[in-house]
C-alpha atoms as a PDB file:
ATOM      1  CA  UNK A   1     -84.266-177.670-232.668  1.00  0.00           C
ATOM      2  CA  UNK A   2     -81.170-176.536-230.730  1.00  0.00           C
ATOM      3  CA  UNK A   3     -78.592-178.843-229.276  1.00  0.00           C
ATOM      4  CA  UNK A   4     -79.798-178.073-225.819  1.00  0.00           C
ATOM      5  CA  UNK A   5     -83.411-178.957-226.680  1.00  0.00           C
ATOM      6  CA  UNK A   6     -82.279-182.169-228.305  1.00  0.00           C
ATOM      7  CA  UNK A   7     -80.486-183.113-225.142  1.00  0.00           C
ATOM      8  CA  UNK A   8     -83.603-182.475-223.076  1.00  0.00           C
ATOM      9  CA  UNK A   9     -85.782-184.656-225.374  1.00  0.00           C
ATOM     10  CA  UNK A  10     -83.307-187.501-225.067  1.00  0.00           C
ATOM     11  CA  UNK A  11     -83.273-187.276-221.345  1.00  0.00           C
ATOM     12  CA  UNK A  12     -87.153-187.463-221.327  1.00  0.00           C
ATOM     13  CA  UNK A  13     -87.045-190.660-223.518  1.00  0.00           C
ATOM     14  CA  UNK A  14     -84.810-192.531-221.112  1.00  0.00           C
ATOM     15  CA  UNK A  15     -86.345-195.283-218.841  1.00  0.00           C
ATOM     16  CA  UNK A  16     -87.537-193.585-215.607  1.00  0.00           C
ATOM     17  CA  UNK A  17     -85.599-195.872-213.267  1.00  0.00           C
ATOM     18  CA  UNK A  18     -82.868-197.333-215.516  1.00  0.00           C
ATOM     19  CA  UNK A  19     -80.104-195.828-213.397  1.00  0.00           C
ATOM     20  CA  UNK A  20     -81.424-196.980-210.118  1.00  0.00           C
ATOM     21  CA  UNK A  21     -81.248-200.770-210.495  1.00  0.00           C
ATOM     22  CA  UNK A  22     -78.493-203.337-210.793  1.00  0.00           C
ATOM     23  CA  UNK A  23     -78.252-207.035-211.506  1.00  0.00           C
ATOM     24  CA  UNK A  24     -77.128-209.347-208.819  1.00  0.00           C
ATOM     25  CA  UNK A  25     -74.000-211.458-209.277  1.00  0.00           C
ATOM     26  CA  UNK A  26     -73.490-214.930-207.770  1.00  0.00           C
ATOM     27  CA  UNK A  27     -70.342-215.968-205.784  1.00  0.00           C
ATOM     28  CA  UNK A  28     -67.069-215.877-207.671  1.00  0.00           C
ATOM     29  CA  UNK A  29     -65.923-219.497-208.222  1.00  0.00           C
ATOM     30  CA  UNK A  30     -62.591-220.876-208.909  1.00  0.00           C
ATOM     31  CA  UNK A  31     -62.786-224.645-209.185  1.00  0.00           C
ATOM     32  CA  UNK A  32     -59.645-225.577-207.350  1.00  0.00           C
ATOM     33  CA  UNK A  33     -57.900-223.384-204.861  1.00  0.00           C
ATOM     34  CA  UNK A  34     -54.723-224.010-202.937  1.00  0.00           C
ATOM     35  CA  UNK A  35     -53.384-221.509-200.298  1.00  0.00           C
ATOM     36  CA  UNK A  36     -50.435-219.387-201.466  1.00  0.00           C
ATOM     37  CA  UNK A  37     -50.706-220.888-204.944  1.00  0.00           C
ATOM     38  CA  UNK A  38     -51.550-218.302-207.638  1.00  0.00           C
ATOM     39  CA  UNK A  39     -54.408-218.967-209.860  1.00  0.00           C
ATOM     40  CA  UNK A  40     -54.916-217.418-213.253  1.00  0.00           C
ATOM     41  CA  UNK A  41     -58.607-216.410-214.248  1.00  0.00           C
ATOM     42  CA  UNK A  42     -60.247-215.459-217.470  1.00  0.00           C
ATOM     43  CA  UNK A  43     -61.922-212.330-218.775  1.00  0.00           C
ATOM     44  CA  UNK A  44     -65.309-213.239-217.490  1.00  0.00           C
ATOM     45  CA  UNK A  45     -64.209-213.205-213.925  1.00  0.00           C
ATOM     46  CA  UNK A  46     -62.038-210.132-214.624  1.00  0.00           C
ATOM     47  CA  UNK A  47     -65.080-208.199-215.805  1.00  0.00           C
ATOM     48  CA  UNK A  48     -66.960-209.133-212.601  1.00  0.00           C
ATOM     49  CA  UNK A  49     -64.065-207.993-210.426  1.00  0.00           C
ATOM     50  CA  UNK A  50     -63.981-204.690-212.280  1.00  0.00           C
ATOM     51  CA  UNK A  51     -67.534-204.170-211.720  1.00  0.00           C
ATOM     52  CA  UNK A  52     -67.032-204.691-208.100  1.00  0.00           C
ATOM     53  CA  UNK A  53     -64.207-202.121-208.143  1.00  0.00           C
ATOM     54  CA  UNK A  54     -61.545-204.486-206.904  1.00  0.00           C
ATOM     55  CA  UNK A  55     -58.075-203.118-207.818  1.00  0.00           C
ATOM     56  CA  UNK A  56     -54.693-204.865-207.772  1.00  0.00           C
ATOM     57  CA  UNK A  57     -53.309-205.352-204.301  1.00  0.00           C
ATOM     58  CA  UNK A  58     -56.816-205.538-202.808  1.00  0.00           C
ATOM     59  CA  UNK A  59     -58.653-208.587-201.634  1.00  0.00           C
ATOM     60  CA  UNK A  60     -61.833-210.329-202.709  1.00  0.00           C
ATOM     61  CA  UNK A  61     -63.724-213.473-201.690  1.00  0.00           C
ATOM     62  CA  UNK A  62     -63.867-216.582-203.869  1.00  0.00           C
ATOM     63  CA  UNK A  63     -65.326-219.976-203.619  1.00  0.00           C
ATOM     64  CA  UNK A  64     -63.955-223.417-204.861  1.00  0.00           C
ATOM     65  CA  UNK A  65     -66.092-226.286-206.215  1.00  0.00           C
ATOM     66  CA  UNK A  66     -66.435-227.859-202.796  1.00  0.00           C
ATOM     67  CA  UNK A  67     -68.150-224.762-201.412  1.00  0.00           C
ATOM     68  CA  UNK A  68     -65.255-223.510-199.240  1.00  0.00           C
ATOM     69  CA  UNK A  69     -64.544-219.701-199.245  1.00  0.00           C
ATOM     70  CA  UNK A  70     -61.175-218.024-199.505  1.00  0.00           C
ATOM     71  CA  UNK A  71     -59.817-214.523-199.304  1.00  0.00           C
ATOM     72  CA  UNK A  72     -57.501-213.888-202.274  1.00  0.00           C
ATOM     73  CA  UNK A  73     -55.148-210.916-203.141  1.00  0.00           C
ATOM     74  CA  UNK A  74     -55.479-209.550-206.684  1.00  0.00           C
ATOM     75  CA  UNK A  75     -52.101-209.277-208.218  1.00  0.00           C
ATOM     76  CA  UNK A  76     -52.858-208.546-211.958  1.00  0.00           C
ATOM     77  CA  UNK A  77     -56.145-207.514-213.575  1.00  0.00           C
ATOM     78  CA  UNK A  78     -56.855-206.698-217.236  1.00  0.00           C
ATOM     79  CA  UNK A  79     -59.863-207.063-219.538  1.00  0.00           C
ATOM     80  CA  UNK A  80     -58.808-210.493-220.617  1.00  0.00           C
ATOM     81  CA  UNK A  81     -58.034-211.909-217.141  1.00  0.00           C
ATOM     82  CA  UNK A  82     -55.665-211.728-214.328  1.00  0.00           C
ATOM     83  CA  UNK A  83     -53.766-213.405-211.398  1.00  0.00           C
ATOM     84  CA  UNK A  84     -54.689-213.670-207.728  1.00  0.00           C
ATOM     85  CA  UNK A  85     -53.186-215.485-204.757  1.00  0.00           C
ATOM     86  CA  UNK A  86     -55.407-217.133-202.111  1.00  0.00           C
ATOM     87  CA  UNK A  87     -54.001-216.383-198.613  1.00  0.00           C
ATOM     88  CA  UNK A  88     -56.773-217.358-196.138  1.00  0.00           C
ATOM     89  CA  UNK A  89     -59.587-220.049-195.970  1.00  0.00           C
ATOM     90  CA  UNK A  90     -62.620-218.457-194.320  1.00  0.00           C
ATOM     91  CA  UNK A  91     -63.940-220.457-191.294  1.00  0.00           C
ATOM     92  CA  UNK A  92     -67.525-219.758-192.272  1.00  0.00           C
ATOM     93  CA  UNK A  93     -69.524-219.004-195.481  1.00  0.00           C
ATOM     94  CA  UNK A  94     -70.168-215.340-195.976  1.00  0.00           C
ATOM     95  CA  UNK A  95     -73.333-216.203-197.808  1.00  0.00           C
ATOM     96  CA  UNK A  96     -76.678-216.529-196.211  1.00  0.00           C
ATOM     97  CA  UNK A  97     -78.289-219.895-195.900  1.00  0.00           C
ATOM     98  CA  UNK A  98     -81.721-218.496-196.850  1.00  0.00           C
ATOM     99  CA  UNK A  99     -82.621-216.329-199.853  1.00  0.00           C
ATOM    100  CA  UNK A 100     -84.016-212.976-198.353  1.00  0.00           C
ATOM    101  CA  UNK A 101     -85.773-210.376-200.347  1.00  0.00           C
ATOM    102  CA  UNK A 102     -86.091-206.999-198.625  1.00  0.00           C
ATOM    103  CA  UNK A 103     -89.085-205.034-200.044  1.00  0.00           C
ATOM    104  CA  UNK A 104     -88.724-201.623-198.397  1.00  0.00           C
ATOM    105  CA  UNK A 105     -90.557-198.391-198.968  1.00  0.00           C
ATOM    106  CA  UNK A 106     -88.259-195.636-200.296  1.00  0.00           C
ATOM    107  CA  UNK A 107     -87.487-193.544-197.154  1.00  0.00           C
ATOM    108  CA  UNK A 108     -86.892-189.843-197.137  1.00  0.00           C
ATOM    109  CA  UNK A 109     -83.856-187.863-196.099  1.00  0.00           C
ATOM    110  CA  UNK A 110     -81.579-190.182-198.121  1.00  0.00           C
ATOM    111  CA  UNK A 111     -82.025-192.996-195.604  1.00  0.00           C
ATOM    112  CA  UNK A 112     -82.312-195.617-198.379  1.00  0.00           C
ATOM    113  CA  UNK A 113     -78.454-195.322-198.741  1.00  0.00           C
ATOM    114  CA  UNK A 114     -78.224-196.597-195.239  1.00  0.00           C
ATOM    115  CA  UNK A 115     -80.854-199.233-195.885  1.00  0.00           C
ATOM    116  CA  UNK A 116     -79.107-200.596-199.008  1.00  0.00           C
ATOM    117  CA  UNK A 117     -75.670-200.746-197.206  1.00  0.00           C
ATOM    118  CA  UNK A 118     -77.034-202.501-194.142  1.00  0.00           C
ATOM    119  CA  UNK A 119     -79.328-204.969-196.041  1.00  0.00           C
ATOM    120  CA  UNK A 120     -76.366-205.979-198.154  1.00  0.00           C
ATOM    121  CA  UNK A 121     -74.298-206.538-195.038  1.00  0.00           C
ATOM    122  CA  UNK A 122     -77.048-208.641-193.483  1.00  0.00           C
ATOM    123  CA  UNK A 123     -77.118-211.024-196.360  1.00  0.00           C
ATOM    124  CA  UNK A 124     -80.070-210.222-198.480  1.00  0.00           C
ATOM    125  CA  UNK A 125     -80.267-211.605-201.983  1.00  0.00           C
ATOM    126  CA  UNK A 126     -82.562-208.924-203.404  1.00  0.00           C
ATOM    127  CA  UNK A 127     -83.564-205.390-202.555  1.00  0.00           C
ATOM    128  CA  UNK A 128     -86.821-203.879-203.869  1.00  0.00           C
ATOM    129  CA  UNK A 129     -87.422-200.228-203.289  1.00  0.00           C
ATOM    130  CA  UNK A 130     -91.172-199.704-203.074  1.00  0.00           C
ATOM    131  CA  UNK A 131     -93.137-196.592-203.971  1.00  0.00           C
ATOM    132  CA  UNK A 132     -95.776-196.547-201.438  1.00  0.00           C
ATOM    133  CA  UNK A 133     -98.561-194.081-200.524  1.00  0.00           C
ATOM    134  CA  UNK A 134     -96.682-192.536-197.470  1.00  0.00           C
ATOM    135  CA  UNK A 135     -93.142-192.920-198.903  1.00  0.00           C
ATOM    136  CA  UNK A 136     -91.018-191.057-201.377  1.00  0.00           C
ATOM    137  CA  UNK A 137     -92.799-190.388-204.781  1.00  0.00           C
ATOM    138  CA  UNK A 138     -91.197-191.168-208.141  1.00  0.00           C
ATOM    139  CA  UNK A 139     -90.298-187.547-208.705  1.00  0.00           C
ATOM    140  CA  UNK A 140     -88.338-187.481-205.411  1.00  0.00           C
ATOM    141  CA  UNK A 141     -85.880-190.281-206.269  1.00  0.00           C
ATOM    142  CA  UNK A 142     -83.227-188.064-207.702  1.00  0.00           C
ATOM    143  CA  UNK A 143     -83.253-185.944-204.555  1.00  0.00           C
ATOM    144  CA  UNK A 144     -82.931-189.206-202.551  1.00  0.00           C
ATOM    145  CA  UNK A 145     -79.709-190.008-204.519  1.00  0.00           C
ATOM    146  CA  UNK A 146     -81.168-193.228-205.855  1.00  0.00           C
ATOM    147  CA  UNK A 147     -78.350-193.283-208.543  1.00  0.00           C
ATOM    148  CA  UNK A 148     -75.929-193.912-205.714  1.00  0.00           C
ATOM    149  CA  UNK A 149     -77.690-197.187-204.451  1.00  0.00           C
ATOM    150  CA  UNK A 150     -75.961-199.674-206.904  1.00  0.00           C
ATOM    151  CA  UNK A 151     -72.611-198.359-205.721  1.00  0.00           C
ATOM    152  CA  UNK A 152     -73.624-198.773-202.096  1.00  0.00           C
ATOM    153  CA  UNK A 153     -74.319-202.432-202.735  1.00  0.00           C
ATOM    154  CA  UNK A 154     -70.857-202.961-204.197  1.00  0.00           C
ATOM    155  CA  UNK A 155     -69.021-201.172-201.430  1.00  0.00           C
ATOM    156  CA  UNK A 156     -71.014-202.836-198.664  1.00  0.00           C
ATOM    157  CA  UNK A 157     -70.494-206.348-200.170  1.00  0.00           C
ATOM    158  CA  UNK A 158     -66.816-205.746-200.223  1.00  0.00           C
ATOM    159  CA  UNK A 159     -66.728-204.468-196.643  1.00  0.00           C
ATOM    160  CA  UNK A 160     -68.589-207.514-195.288  1.00  0.00           C
ATOM    161  CA  UNK A 161     -66.534-209.949-197.523  1.00  0.00           C
ATOM    162  CA  UNK A 162     -69.418-211.275-199.456  1.00  0.00           C
ATOM    163  CA  UNK A 163     -68.662-213.247-202.618  1.00  0.00           C
ATOM    164  CA  UNK A 164     -71.962-212.277-204.208  1.00  0.00           C
ATOM    165  CA  UNK A 165     -73.796-209.075-205.003  1.00  0.00           C
ATOM    166  CA  UNK A 166     -77.525-208.808-204.148  1.00  0.00           C
ATOM    167  CA  UNK A 167     -79.898-207.842-206.991  1.00  0.00           C
ATOM    168  CA  UNK A 168     -81.273-204.335-206.746  1.00  0.00           C
ATOM    169  CA  UNK A 169     -84.646-203.815-208.553  1.00  0.00           C
ATOM    170  CA  UNK A 170     -85.866-200.664-210.004  1.00  0.00           C
ATOM    171  CA  UNK A 171     -88.282-198.764-207.736  1.00  0.00           C
ATOM    172  CA  UNK A 172     -91.919-199.977-208.298  1.00  0.00           C
ATOM    173  CA  UNK A 173     -95.262-199.882-206.622  1.00  0.00           C
ATOM    174  CA  UNK A 174     -96.329-202.470-204.133  1.00  0.00           C
ATOM    175  CA  UNK A 175     -98.957-203.743-206.584  1.00  0.00           C
ATOM    176  CA  UNK A 176     -96.384-204.124-209.283  1.00  0.00           C
ATOM    177  CA  UNK A 177     -93.999-206.068-206.988  1.00  0.00           C
ATOM    178  CA  UNK A 178     -96.871-208.384-205.716  1.00  0.00           C
ATOM    179  CA  UNK A 179     -97.669-209.213-209.310  1.00  0.00           C
ATOM    180  CA  UNK A 180     -93.985-209.890-210.228  1.00  0.00           C
ATOM    181  CA  UNK A 181     -92.098-213.258-210.294  1.00  0.00           C
ATOM    182  CA  UNK A 182     -89.817-211.861-207.618  1.00  0.00           C
ATOM    183  CA  UNK A 183     -92.789-211.927-205.077  1.00  0.00           C
ATOM    184  CA  UNK A 184     -92.652-215.647-204.966  1.00  0.00           C
ATOM    185  CA  UNK A 185     -91.487-217.031-201.567  1.00  0.00           C
ATOM    186  CA  UNK A 186     -91.831-219.815-199.029  1.00  0.00           C
ATOM    187  CA  UNK A 187     -92.581-217.228-196.374  1.00  0.00           C
ATOM    188  CA  UNK A 188     -93.625-213.514-196.624  1.00  0.00           C
ATOM    189  CA  UNK A 189     -93.719-211.209-193.653  1.00  0.00           C
ATOM    190  CA  UNK A 190     -94.557-207.525-193.235  1.00  0.00           C
ATOM    191  CA  UNK A 191     -93.588-205.458-190.145  1.00  0.00           C
ATOM    192  CA  UNK A 192     -96.818-203.971-188.824  1.00  0.00           C
ATOM    193  CA  UNK A 193     -97.193-202.351-185.350  1.00  0.00           C
ATOM    194  CA  UNK A 194    -100.862-201.701-186.022  1.00  0.00           C
ATOM    195  CA  UNK A 195    -101.970-205.377-185.747  1.00  0.00           C
ATOM    196  CA  UNK A 196    -102.001-207.805-182.855  1.00  0.00           C
ATOM    197  CA  UNK A 197     -99.452-209.811-184.704  1.00  0.00           C
ATOM    198  CA  UNK A 198     -99.504-213.336-186.107  1.00  0.00           C
ATOM    199  CA  UNK A 199     -97.314-216.111-185.196  1.00  0.00           C
ATOM    200  CA  UNK A 200     -95.033-216.844-188.062  1.00  0.00           C
ATOM    201  CA  UNK A 201     -95.096-220.478-189.174  1.00  0.00           C
ATOM    202  CA  UNK A 202     -92.431-222.715-187.866  1.00  0.00           C
ATOM    203  CA  UNK A 203     -91.542-224.033-191.344  1.00  0.00           C
ATOM    204  CA  UNK A 204     -88.025-224.063-192.575  1.00  0.00           C
ATOM    205  CA  UNK A 205     -88.296-221.582-195.503  1.00  0.00           C
ATOM    206  CA  UNK A 206     -85.522-221.242-198.132  1.00  0.00           C
ATOM    207  CA  UNK A 207     -86.946-218.106-199.702  1.00  0.00           C
ATOM    208  CA  UNK A 208     -88.218-215.253-197.460  1.00  0.00           C
ATOM    209  CA  UNK A 209     -89.621-211.776-198.273  1.00  0.00           C
ATOM    210  CA  UNK A 210     -89.603-209.130-195.603  1.00  0.00           C
ATOM    211  CA  UNK A 211     -91.821-206.034-196.280  1.00  0.00           C
ATOM    212  CA  UNK A 212     -90.977-202.786-194.555  1.00  0.00           C
ATOM    213  CA  UNK A 213     -93.102-199.757-194.874  1.00  0.00           C
ATOM    214  CA  UNK A 214     -92.272-196.049-194.644  1.00  0.00           C
ATOM    215  CA  UNK A 215     -92.631-193.718-191.656  1.00  0.00           C
ATOM    216  CA  UNK A 216     -96.334-194.057-190.674  1.00  0.00           C
ATOM    217  CA  UNK A 217     -96.454-197.564-192.168  1.00  0.00           C
ATOM    218  CA  UNK A 218     -98.257-199.005-195.117  1.00  0.00           C
ATOM    219  CA  UNK A 219    -101.635-197.394-196.019  1.00  0.00           C
ATOM    220  CA  UNK A 220    -104.889-199.320-195.344  1.00  0.00           C
ATOM    221  CA  UNK A 221    -105.195-200.166-198.935  1.00  0.00           C
ATOM    222  CA  UNK A 222    -101.529-201.490-199.056  1.00  0.00           C
ATOM    223  CA  UNK A 223    -102.142-203.495-195.819  1.00  0.00           C
ATOM    224  CA  UNK A 224    -105.197-205.018-197.298  1.00  0.00           C
ATOM    225  CA  UNK A 225    -103.169-206.089-200.421  1.00  0.00           C
ATOM    226  CA  UNK A 226    -100.446-207.442-198.214  1.00  0.00           C
ATOM    227  CA  UNK A 227    -102.578-209.572-195.913  1.00  0.00           C
ATOM    228  CA  UNK A 228    -103.430-212.110-198.678  1.00  0.00           C
ATOM    229  CA  UNK A 229     -99.785-213.181-199.094  1.00  0.00           C
ATOM    230  CA  UNK A 230     -97.797-212.030-196.091  1.00  0.00           C
ATOM    231  CA  UNK A 231     -98.014-212.553-192.300  1.00  0.00           C
ATOM    232  CA  UNK A 232     -98.111-209.387-190.150  1.00  0.00           C
ATOM    233  CA  UNK A 233     -95.101-209.456-187.804  1.00  0.00           C
ATOM    234  CA  UNK A 234     -94.805-207.484-184.641  1.00  0.00           C
ATOM    235  CA  UNK A 235     -91.300-206.870-183.197  1.00  0.00           C
ATOM    236  CA  UNK A 236     -91.804-205.760-179.529  1.00  0.00           C
ATOM    237  CA  UNK A 237     -94.003-202.934-178.230  1.00  0.00           C
ATOM    238  CA  UNK A 238     -91.944-199.994-179.452  1.00  0.00           C
ATOM    239  CA  UNK A 239     -92.621-198.030-182.603  1.00  0.00           C
ATOM    240  CA  UNK A 240     -89.379-198.104-184.586  1.00  0.00           C
ATOM    241  CA  UNK A 241     -88.060-195.765-187.229  1.00  0.00           C
ATOM    242  CA  UNK A 242     -88.311-197.384-190.560  1.00  0.00           C
ATOM    243  CA  UNK A 243     -84.600-197.840-191.021  1.00  0.00           C
ATOM    244  CA  UNK A 244     -84.399-199.402-187.590  1.00  0.00           C
ATOM    245  CA  UNK A 245     -87.193-201.790-188.444  1.00  0.00           C
ATOM    246  CA  UNK A 246     -85.189-202.886-191.511  1.00  0.00           C
ATOM    247  CA  UNK A 247     -82.243-203.755-189.271  1.00  0.00           C
ATOM    248  CA  UNK A 248     -84.390-205.387-186.577  1.00  0.00           C
ATOM    249  CA  UNK A 249     -86.510-207.330-189.108  1.00  0.00           C
ATOM    250  CA  UNK A 250     -83.519-208.680-191.168  1.00  0.00           C
ATOM    251  CA  UNK A 251     -81.672-209.671-187.902  1.00  0.00           C
ATOM    252  CA  UNK A 252     -84.843-211.504-186.551  1.00  0.00           C
ATOM    253  CA  UNK A 253     -85.102-213.310-189.963  1.00  0.00           C
ATOM    254  CA  UNK A 254     -81.515-214.460-189.862  1.00  0.00           C
ATOM    255  CA  UNK A 255     -81.934-215.533-186.133  1.00  0.00           C
ATOM    256  CA  UNK A 256     -85.102-217.457-186.833  1.00  0.00           C
ATOM    257  CA  UNK A 257     -84.279-219.085-190.257  1.00  0.00           C
ATOM    258  CA  UNK A 258     -80.889-217.899-191.415  1.00  0.00           C
ATOM    259  CA  UNK A 259     -77.181-218.052-190.548  1.00  0.00           C
ATOM    260  CA  UNK A 260     -77.536-216.342-187.179  1.00  0.00           C
ATOM    261  CA  UNK A 261     -79.003-219.525-185.914  1.00  0.00           C
ATOM    262  CA  UNK A 262     -76.758-221.783-183.780  1.00  0.00           C
ATOM    263  CA  UNK A 263     -78.299-224.863-185.470  1.00  0.00           C
ATOM    264  CA  UNK A 264     -78.360-224.173-189.307  1.00  0.00           C
ATOM    265  CA  UNK A 265     -79.498-227.703-190.101  1.00  0.00           C
END
């Protein structure tokens, strides 16, 4: 066997979606923080900053043991630790008060890059790319630049000053997700302009799943599977593009139950 053939066989043996997912990361915590007083951190936090692509002279968000968030300037960074200086106490938490999972069909024309960016900025805890009947098939993921999704999460989290990174799951079918532990929630909703809509319960959920289908929506079989665990949710009388529906749906969730509410009690 030639070297080229061996490389091809190795490529075929790799997990299909191993490059497209990324673990989440909770908020960065330093127990005691005092403005303008440098703090030294260990290798564990240093590795997390390196993963987040934070370089010396750049800023990041850190939390103390009391739950207050600060902006800190990175002064030194190595594999064994580093030094940073907190320079600003943030007036509000950059983290959502509810745990939101966005389960969105993989959209064509590389629009998932936009979806991953904006979902991160809107505070989701988890992003699940769904392989649906009318969405992008598995063999189209490379064309959609799925390998770029994890990097988009990191850069969007830095841009909106989050201290955590949402989890990005590997692309999977709707059935596989519904059967997974990640599908557990206090409230599940799917955007559906083909139904008369159902009034979402007025409970105070802590864990919410928002399902968004591709252009053309979920298939009849997928809608049938969803109806046993999710409420159909109609947002107005206009038919939205799928990426617009993601933004509208996540904003509506945050307004109803999350940190866009005036009263977050």
